[in-house]
Amino acid sequence: MTTKNLCDEIGAKYAELKNALAGTDLERIKKLTLETHALVHPAAVSGHQEKTLADFVLDFMLSGNQNVLVPRKNYATDLHYDGTDTVPLVWQFWHTYRIEDLISNILMADSSQIFSPDWQKRIGASVTDTGNALEFDEAVKFAKTINADALCEYMIAVGRQTRKIISSLTLEQIKSMVPEKRVMRILEEGGVTTDFRSVWLLVFWGRLTLGGMILTPLTWHHTMHLFACMDIL
């Protein structure tokens, strides 16, 4: 399957998911959420039988290309609250999976995030947040210290845990917003910083229902960052 076919498949599945989330069929919502999640994560996360777009980008990164520079995104997003529009490839994976960890474990499940001082040491990360506010030179410096294999292990752990959380959700939870204290836990635990280019995420996430979190941080957010890397494949 070509990367274009993969992109088309993701777009079609996401449209189905968006339609399902507007309704009340819980089993259909969960099924489509898990299917969409699988398409934008490495196959090892879900047991998907074929390579996903994430696998192709990840394979390139793990082949000694973690410092290759790519666009941060392929269209205007993040309300222009960026440190840099160009980032090392490894930053894309760090950014998307740190956000997924924070969203699924803290906001959705009200539990502990997977990231820990041990994970930080293994990955070699100089920051604990999502990296939103890093300037270009800071992002480049950050990427050079990352152990890409350890980051990959963290990504798979995050993705698998998210799938467990999705499977346990009720329709009431999916249609609801989360308490403010959960949102503030992200700041308290270093998931974002007080820089306005980082802390605005709390405002954005705090206004989402869990269904909105499924649509953006857990699926489409991965998609737009993967699409931004297409030219390197």
C-alpha atoms as a PDB file:
ATOM      1  CA  MET A   1       0.000   0.000   0.000  1.00  0.00           C
ATOM      2  CA  THR A   2       1.346   3.425  -0.920  1.00  0.00           C
ATOM      3  CA  THR A   3       1.612   6.314   1.501  1.00  0.00           C
ATOM      4  CA  LYS A   4      -1.159   8.056  -0.472  1.00  0.00           C
ATOM      5  CA  ASN A   5      -3.430   5.064   0.059  1.00  0.00           C
ATOM      6  CA  LEU A   6      -2.583   5.126   3.758  1.00  0.00           C
ATOM      7  CA  CYS A   7      -3.401   8.828   3.992  1.00  0.00           C
ATOM      8  CA  ASP A   8      -6.709   8.302   2.162  1.00  0.00           C
ATOM      9  CA  GLU A   9      -7.581   5.427   4.493  1.00  0.00           C
ATOM     10  CA  ILE A  10      -6.886   7.552   7.557  1.00  0.00           C
ATOM     11  CA  GLY A  11      -9.023  10.400   6.228  1.00  0.00           C
ATOM     12  CA  ALA A  12     -11.954   8.131   5.453  1.00  0.00           C
ATOM     13  CA  LYS A  13     -11.815   6.379   8.822  1.00  0.00           C
ATOM     14  CA  TYR A  14     -11.560   9.693  10.669  1.00  0.00           C
ATOM     15  CA  ALA A  15     -14.679  10.956   8.882  1.00  0.00           C
ATOM     16  CA  GLU A  16     -16.545   7.842  10.048  1.00  0.00           C
ATOM     17  CA  LEU A  17     -15.327   8.384  13.602  1.00  0.00           C
ATOM     18  CA  LYS A  18     -16.396  12.031  13.616  1.00  0.00           C
ATOM     19  CA  ASN A  19     -19.862  11.001  12.456  1.00  0.00           C
ATOM     20  CA  ALA A  20     -20.095   8.279  15.099  1.00  0.00           C
ATOM     21  CA  LEU A  21     -19.096  10.639  17.910  1.00  0.00           C
ATOM     22  CA  ALA A  22     -22.035  12.880  17.021  1.00  0.00           C
ATOM     23  CA  GLY A  23     -24.348   9.970  17.853  1.00  0.00           C
ATOM     24  CA  THR A  24     -24.961   7.651  20.791  1.00  0.00           C
ATOM     25  CA  ASP A  25     -23.935   4.192  19.550  1.00  0.00           C
ATOM     26  CA  LEU A  26     -21.218   3.440  22.116  1.00  0.00           C
ATOM     27  CA  GLU A  27     -19.971   0.236  20.504  1.00  0.00           C
ATOM     28  CA  ARG A  28     -19.640   1.939  17.107  1.00  0.00           C
ATOM     29  CA  ILE A  29     -17.800   4.857  18.708  1.00  0.00           C
ATOM     30  CA  LYS A  30     -15.328   2.548  20.445  1.00  0.00           C
ATOM     31  CA  LYS A  31     -14.821   0.403  17.352  1.00  0.00           C
ATOM     32  CA  LEU A  32     -14.087   3.362  15.098  1.00  0.00           C
ATOM     33  CA  THR A  33     -11.927   5.061  17.734  1.00  0.00           C
ATOM     34  CA  LEU A  34      -9.732   1.987  18.059  1.00  0.00           C
ATOM     35  CA  GLU A  35      -9.574   1.523  14.283  1.00  0.00           C
ATOM     36  CA  THR A  36      -8.590   5.152  13.689  1.00  0.00           C
ATOM     37  CA  HIS A  37      -6.100   5.075  16.569  1.00  0.00           C
ATOM     38  CA  ALA A  38      -4.502   1.969  15.050  1.00  0.00           C
ATOM     39  CA  LEU A  39      -4.011   3.655  11.671  1.00  0.00           C
ATOM     40  CA  VAL A  40      -2.047   6.599  13.101  1.00  0.00           C
ATOM     41  CA  HIS A  41       0.157   4.597  15.484  1.00  0.00           C
ATOM     42  CA  PRO A  42       2.839   1.958  14.871  1.00  0.00           C
ATOM     43  CA  ALA A  43       1.349  -1.476  14.225  1.00  0.00           C
ATOM     44  CA  ALA A  44       2.997  -2.766  17.422  1.00  0.00           C
ATOM     45  CA  VAL A  45       0.539  -0.663  19.426  1.00  0.00           C
ATOM     46  CA  SER A  46      -2.600  -2.393  18.166  1.00  0.00           C
ATOM     47  CA  GLY A  47      -1.397  -5.561  16.443  1.00  0.00           C
ATOM     48  CA  HIS A  48      -2.405  -4.093  13.079  1.00  0.00           C
ATOM     49  CA  GLN A  49      -1.431  -6.608  10.407  1.00  0.00           C
ATOM     50  CA  GLU A  50       0.113  -4.162   7.946  1.00  0.00           C
ATOM     51  CA  LYS A  51       2.556  -1.305   8.356  1.00  0.00           C
ATOM     52  CA  THR A  52       0.912   2.007   9.124  1.00  0.00           C
ATOM     53  CA  LEU A  53       1.976   5.480   8.033  1.00  0.00           C
ATOM     54  CA  ALA A  54       3.445   5.893  11.525  1.00  0.00           C
ATOM     55  CA  ASP A  55       5.584   2.781  10.935  1.00  0.00           C
ATOM     56  CA  PHE A  56       7.069   4.192   7.735  1.00  0.00           C
ATOM     57  CA  VAL A  57       7.964   7.491   9.400  1.00  0.00           C
ATOM     58  CA  LEU A  58       9.247   5.720  12.516  1.00  0.00           C
ATOM     59  CA  ASP A  59      11.375   3.289  10.485  1.00  0.00           C
ATOM     60  CA  PHE A  60      13.012   6.245   8.748  1.00  0.00           C
ATOM     61  CA  MET A  61      13.707   7.914  12.077  1.00  0.00           C
ATOM     62  CA  LEU A  62      15.174   4.747  13.611  1.00  0.00           C
ATOM     63  CA  SER A  63      17.513   4.385  10.631  1.00  0.00           C
ATOM     64  CA  GLY A  64      19.725   7.169  11.954  1.00  0.00           C
ATOM     65  CA  ASN A  65      17.517  10.055  10.868  1.00  0.00           C
ATOM     66  CA  GLN A  66      16.178  11.409  14.140  1.00  0.00           C
ATOM     67  CA  ASN A  67      17.810  14.794  13.551  1.00  0.00           C
ATOM     68  CA  VAL A  68      16.511  15.279  10.001  1.00  0.00           C
ATOM     69  CA  LEU A  69      14.624  18.567   9.865  1.00  0.00           C
ATOM     70  CA  VAL A  70      10.945  18.525   8.892  1.00  0.00           C
ATOM     71  CA  PRO A  71       8.063  21.001   9.000  1.00  0.00           C
ATOM     72  CA  ARG A  72       6.375  21.003  12.376  1.00  0.00           C
ATOM     73  CA  LYS A  73       3.036  20.870  10.602  1.00  0.00           C
ATOM     74  CA  ASN A  74       1.686  21.150   7.087  1.00  0.00           C
ATOM     75  CA  TYR A  75      -0.869  23.868   7.689  1.00  0.00           C
ATOM     76  CA  ALA A  76      -1.665  26.589  10.242  1.00  0.00           C
ATOM     77  CA  THR A  77      -2.455  25.134  13.647  1.00  0.00           C
ATOM     78  CA  ASP A  78      -1.593  25.615  17.325  1.00  0.00           C
ATOM     79  CA  LEU A  79      -3.003  29.144  16.935  1.00  0.00           C
ATOM     80  CA  HIS A  80       0.513  30.115  15.773  1.00  0.00           C
ATOM     81  CA  TYR A  81       1.738  29.690  19.353  1.00  0.00           C
ATOM     82  CA  ASP A  82       4.954  27.937  18.316  1.00  0.00           C
ATOM     83  CA  GLY A  83       8.568  28.141  19.265  1.00  0.00           C
ATOM     84  CA  THR A  84       9.585  27.021  15.764  1.00  0.00           C
ATOM     85  CA  ASP A  85       7.930  25.861  12.549  1.00  0.00           C
ATOM     86  CA  THR A  86      10.827  23.512  11.702  1.00  0.00           C
ATOM     87  CA  VAL A  87      11.791  20.643  13.997  1.00  0.00           C
ATOM     88  CA  PRO A  88      13.959  17.516  14.077  1.00  0.00           C
ATOM     89  CA  LEU A  89      11.960  14.412  13.172  1.00  0.00           C
ATOM     90  CA  VAL A  90      12.297  12.899  16.642  1.00  0.00           C
ATOM     91  CA  TRP A  91      10.564  15.973  18.090  1.00  0.00           C
ATOM     92  CA  GLN A  92       7.391  15.042  16.188  1.00  0.00           C
ATOM     93  CA  PHE A  93       7.129  11.706  17.987  1.00  0.00           C
ATOM     94  CA  TRP A  94       8.074  13.136  21.372  1.00  0.00           C
ATOM     95  CA  HIS A  95       5.476  15.892  21.028  1.00  0.00           C
ATOM     96  CA  THR A  96       2.570  13.728  19.883  1.00  0.00           C
ATOM     97  CA  TYR A  97       3.092  10.927  22.392  1.00  0.00           C
ATOM     98  CA  ARG A  98       3.713  13.203  25.377  1.00  0.00           C
ATOM     99  CA  ILE A  99       0.378  14.825  24.570  1.00  0.00           C
ATOM    100  CA  GLU A 100      -1.348  11.456  24.218  1.00  0.00           C
ATOM    101  CA  ASP A 101       0.085  10.296  27.545  1.00  0.00           C
ATOM    102  CA  LEU A 102      -1.189  13.427  29.303  1.00  0.00           C
ATOM    103  CA  ILE A 103      -4.605  13.350  27.665  1.00  0.00           C
ATOM    104  CA  SER A 104      -5.427   9.672  28.004  1.00  0.00           C
ATOM    105  CA  ASN A 105      -4.013   8.999  31.454  1.00  0.00           C
ATOM    106  CA  ILE A 106      -4.530  12.259  33.327  1.00  0.00           C
ATOM    107  CA  LEU A 107      -7.569  13.817  31.660  1.00  0.00           C
ATOM    108  CA  MET A 108      -9.514  10.779  30.473  1.00  0.00           C
ATOM    109  CA  ALA A 109      -8.632   8.146  33.082  1.00  0.00           C
ATOM    110  CA  ASP A 110      -7.727  10.375  36.056  1.00  0.00           C
ATOM    111  CA  SER A 111      -4.719   8.140  36.682  1.00  0.00           C
ATOM    112  CA  SER A 112      -0.929   8.453  36.553  1.00  0.00           C
ATOM    113  CA  GLN A 113       0.798   9.301  33.308  1.00  0.00           C
ATOM    114  CA  ILE A 114       3.210   6.698  31.991  1.00  0.00           C
ATOM    115  CA  PHE A 115       6.072   9.201  31.771  1.00  0.00           C
ATOM    116  CA  SER A 116       8.299   9.220  34.866  1.00  0.00           C
ATOM    117  CA  PRO A 117      11.828  10.210  35.915  1.00  0.00           C
ATOM    118  CA  ASP A 118      12.946   6.733  34.862  1.00  0.00           C
ATOM    119  CA  TRP A 119      11.430   7.131  31.391  1.00  0.00           C
ATOM    120  CA  GLN A 120      12.984  10.584  31.093  1.00  0.00           C
ATOM    121  CA  LYS A 121      16.411   9.160  31.915  1.00  0.00           C
ATOM    122  CA  ARG A 122      16.021   6.248  29.497  1.00  0.00           C
ATOM    123  CA  ILE A 123      14.855   8.494  26.667  1.00  0.00           C
ATOM    124  CA  GLY A 124      17.475  11.146  27.422  1.00  0.00           C
ATOM    125  CA  ALA A 125      14.976  13.995  27.274  1.00  0.00           C
ATOM    126  CA  SER A 126      16.047  17.386  28.585  1.00  0.00           C
ATOM    127  CA  VAL A 127      12.400  18.446  29.113  1.00  0.00           C
ATOM    128  CA  THR A 128       9.278  16.819  30.511  1.00  0.00           C
ATOM    129  CA  ASP A 129       6.700  18.882  28.624  1.00  0.00           C
ATOM    130  CA  THR A 130       5.354  18.575  25.080  1.00  0.00           C
ATOM    131  CA  GLY A 131       8.045  20.781  23.543  1.00  0.00           C
ATOM    132  CA  ASN A 132       5.589  23.317  22.150  1.00  0.00           C
ATOM    133  CA  ALA A 133       7.613  26.375  23.151  1.00  0.00           C
ATOM    134  CA  LEU A 134      11.096  25.186  22.144  1.00  0.00           C
ATOM    135  CA  GLU A 135      12.891  27.584  19.807  1.00  0.00           C
ATOM    136  CA  PHE A 136      14.623  26.111  16.747  1.00  0.00           C
ATOM    137  CA  ASP A 137      18.079  25.872  18.341  1.00  0.00           C
ATOM    138  CA  GLU A 138      16.547  24.410  21.511  1.00  0.00           C
ATOM    139  CA  ALA A 139      14.641  21.772  19.532  1.00  0.00           C
ATOM    140  CA  VAL A 140      17.793  20.796  17.645  1.00  0.00           C
ATOM    141  CA  LYS A 141      19.762  20.490  20.885  1.00  0.00           C
ATOM    142  CA  PHE A 142      16.923  18.518  22.488  1.00  0.00           C
ATOM    143  CA  ALA A 143      16.802  16.010  19.610  1.00  0.00           C
ATOM    144  CA  LYS A 144      20.507  15.199  19.745  1.00  0.00           C
ATOM    145  CA  THR A 145      20.220  13.734  23.252  1.00  0.00           C
ATOM    146  CA  ILE A 146      17.227  11.496  22.565  1.00  0.00           C
ATOM    147  CA  ASN A 147      17.578   7.714  22.600  1.00  0.00           C
ATOM    148  CA  ALA A 148      15.225   6.941  19.728  1.00  0.00           C
ATOM    149  CA  ASP A 149      14.828   3.276  20.643  1.00  0.00           C
ATOM    150  CA  ALA A 150      13.772   4.162  24.194  1.00  0.00           C
ATOM    151  CA  LEU A 151      11.378   6.785  22.853  1.00  0.00           C
ATOM    152  CA  CYS A 152       9.853   4.127  20.614  1.00  0.00           C
ATOM    153  CA  GLU A 153       9.303   1.881  23.649  1.00  0.00           C
ATOM    154  CA  TYR A 154       7.598   4.764  25.449  1.00  0.00           C
ATOM    155  CA  MET A 155       5.382   5.446  22.423  1.00  0.00           C
ATOM    156  CA  ILE A 156       4.209   1.848  22.289  1.00  0.00           C
ATOM    157  CA  ALA A 157       3.502   1.804  26.040  1.00  0.00           C
ATOM    158  CA  VAL A 158       1.478   5.022  25.740  1.00  0.00           C
ATOM    159  CA  GLY A 159      -0.492   3.810  22.732  1.00  0.00           C
ATOM    160  CA  ARG A 160      -1.361   0.455  24.288  1.00  0.00           C
ATOM    161  CA  GLN A 161      -2.512   2.088  27.517  1.00  0.00           C
ATOM    162  CA  THR A 162      -4.685   4.524  25.568  1.00  0.00           C
ATOM    163  CA  ARG A 163      -6.445   1.637  23.864  1.00  0.00           C
ATOM    164  CA  LYS A 164      -7.267   0.097  27.235  1.00  0.00           C
ATOM    165  CA  ILE A 165      -8.683   3.423  28.428  1.00  0.00           C
ATOM    166  CA  ILE A 166     -10.785   3.863  25.281  1.00  0.00           C
ATOM    167  CA  SER A 167     -12.220   0.376  25.691  1.00  0.00           C
ATOM    168  CA  SER A 168     -13.414   1.183  29.222  1.00  0.00           C
ATOM    169  CA  LEU A 169     -15.169   4.498  28.488  1.00  0.00           C
ATOM    170  CA  THR A 170     -18.895   4.973  28.957  1.00  0.00           C
ATOM    171  CA  LEU A 171     -21.067   7.079  26.668  1.00  0.00           C
ATOM    172  CA  GLU A 172     -21.610   9.550  29.509  1.00  0.00           C
ATOM    173  CA  GLN A 173     -17.843  10.010  29.879  1.00  0.00           C
ATOM    174  CA  ILE A 174     -17.352  10.472  26.132  1.00  0.00           C
ATOM    175  CA  LYS A 175     -19.967  13.226  26.064  1.00  0.00           C
ATOM    176  CA  SER A 176     -18.592  14.963  29.178  1.00  0.00           C
ATOM    177  CA  MET A 177     -15.807  17.445  29.972  1.00  0.00           C
ATOM    178  CA  VAL A 178     -13.257  16.784  32.702  1.00  0.00           C
ATOM    179  CA  PRO A 179     -12.905  18.593  36.058  1.00  0.00           C
ATOM    180  CA  GLU A 180     -10.546  21.577  36.082  1.00  0.00           C
ATOM    181  CA  LYS A 181      -8.338  19.945  38.713  1.00  0.00           C
ATOM    182  CA  ARG A 182      -7.338  17.253  36.201  1.00  0.00           C
ATOM    183  CA  VAL A 183      -6.366  19.897  33.671  1.00  0.00           C
ATOM    184  CA  MET A 184      -4.223  21.679  36.259  1.00  0.00           C
ATOM    185  CA  ARG A 185      -2.480  18.414  37.144  1.00  0.00           C
ATOM    186  CA  ILE A 186      -0.797  18.577  33.738  1.00  0.00           C
ATOM    187  CA  LEU A 187       0.880  21.851  34.685  1.00  0.00           C
ATOM    188  CA  GLU A 188       1.717  20.593  38.168  1.00  0.00           C
ATOM    189  CA  GLU A 189       3.365  17.459  36.752  1.00  0.00           C
ATOM    190  CA  GLY A 190       5.412  19.303  34.116  1.00  0.00           C
ATOM    191  CA  GLY A 191       3.394  18.296  31.063  1.00  0.00           C
ATOM    192  CA  VAL A 192       3.262  21.941  29.987  1.00  0.00           C
ATOM    193  CA  THR A 193       5.254  24.983  31.066  1.00  0.00           C
ATOM    194  CA  THR A 194       4.098  28.469  32.020  1.00  0.00           C
ATOM    195  CA  ASP A 195       5.324  29.858  28.680  1.00  0.00           C
ATOM    196  CA  PHE A 196       2.219  31.111  26.826  1.00  0.00           C
ATOM    197  CA  ARG A 197       3.210  28.958  23.824  1.00  0.00           C
ATOM    198  CA  SER A 198       2.806  25.917  26.065  1.00  0.00           C
ATOM    199  CA  VAL A 199       0.230  26.737  28.730  1.00  0.00           C
ATOM    200  CA  TRP A 200      -2.466  27.659  26.170  1.00  0.00           C
ATOM    201  CA  LEU A 201      -2.878  23.908  25.650  1.00  0.00           C
ATOM    202  CA  LEU A 202      -4.606  23.670  29.035  1.00  0.00           C
ATOM    203  CA  VAL A 203      -7.270  26.119  27.870  1.00  0.00           C
ATOM    204  CA  PHE A 204      -7.763  24.175  24.648  1.00  0.00           C
ATOM    205  CA  TRP A 205      -7.916  20.740  26.282  1.00  0.00           C
ATOM    206  CA  GLY A 206     -10.066  22.001  29.145  1.00  0.00           C
ATOM    207  CA  ARG A 207     -12.830  22.953  26.712  1.00  0.00           C
ATOM    208  CA  LEU A 208     -13.010  19.525  25.090  1.00  0.00           C
ATOM    209  CA  THR A 209     -15.311  16.649  25.906  1.00  0.00           C
ATOM    210  CA  LEU A 210     -13.647  13.234  25.971  1.00  0.00           C
ATOM    211  CA  GLY A 211     -15.088  12.771  22.494  1.00  0.00           C
ATOM    212  CA  GLY A 212     -13.275  15.927  21.427  1.00  0.00           C
ATOM    213  CA  MET A 213     -10.079  14.547  22.915  1.00  0.00           C
ATOM    214  CA  ILE A 214     -10.538  11.382  20.849  1.00  0.00           C
ATOM    215  CA  LEU A 215     -10.965  13.485  17.702  1.00  0.00           C
ATOM    216  CA  THR A 216      -7.953  15.739  18.201  1.00  0.00           C
ATOM    217  CA  PRO A 217      -5.133  14.807  20.614  1.00  0.00           C
ATOM    218  CA  LEU A 218      -5.574  11.032  20.259  1.00  0.00           C
ATOM    219  CA  THR A 219      -6.092  10.679  16.497  1.00  0.00           C
ATOM    220  CA  TRP A 220      -6.037  13.722  14.212  1.00  0.00           C
ATOM    221  CA  HIS A 221      -3.162  15.372  16.070  1.00  0.00           C
ATOM    222  CA  HIS A 222      -0.978  12.380  15.191  1.00  0.00           C
ATOM    223  CA  THR A 223      -2.242  12.518  11.619  1.00  0.00           C
ATOM    224  CA  MET A 224      -1.320  16.135  10.953  1.00  0.00           C
ATOM    225  CA  HIS A 225       2.189  15.655  12.346  1.00  0.00           C
ATOM    226  CA  LEU A 226       2.687  12.468  10.297  1.00  0.00           C
ATOM    227  CA  PHE A 227       1.433  14.215   7.164  1.00  0.00           C
ATOM    228  CA  ALA A 228       3.972  16.987   7.782  1.00  0.00           C
ATOM    229  CA  CYS A 229       6.728  14.358   7.471  1.00  0.00           C
ATOM    230  CA  MET A 230       5.518  12.935   4.141  1.00  0.00           C
ATOM    231  CA  ASP A 231       8.207  14.543   1.963  1.00  0.00           C
ATOM    232  CA  ILE A 232      10.984  12.564   3.648  1.00  0.00           C
ATOM    233  CA  LEU A 233       9.486   9.176   2.722  1.00  0.00           C
END
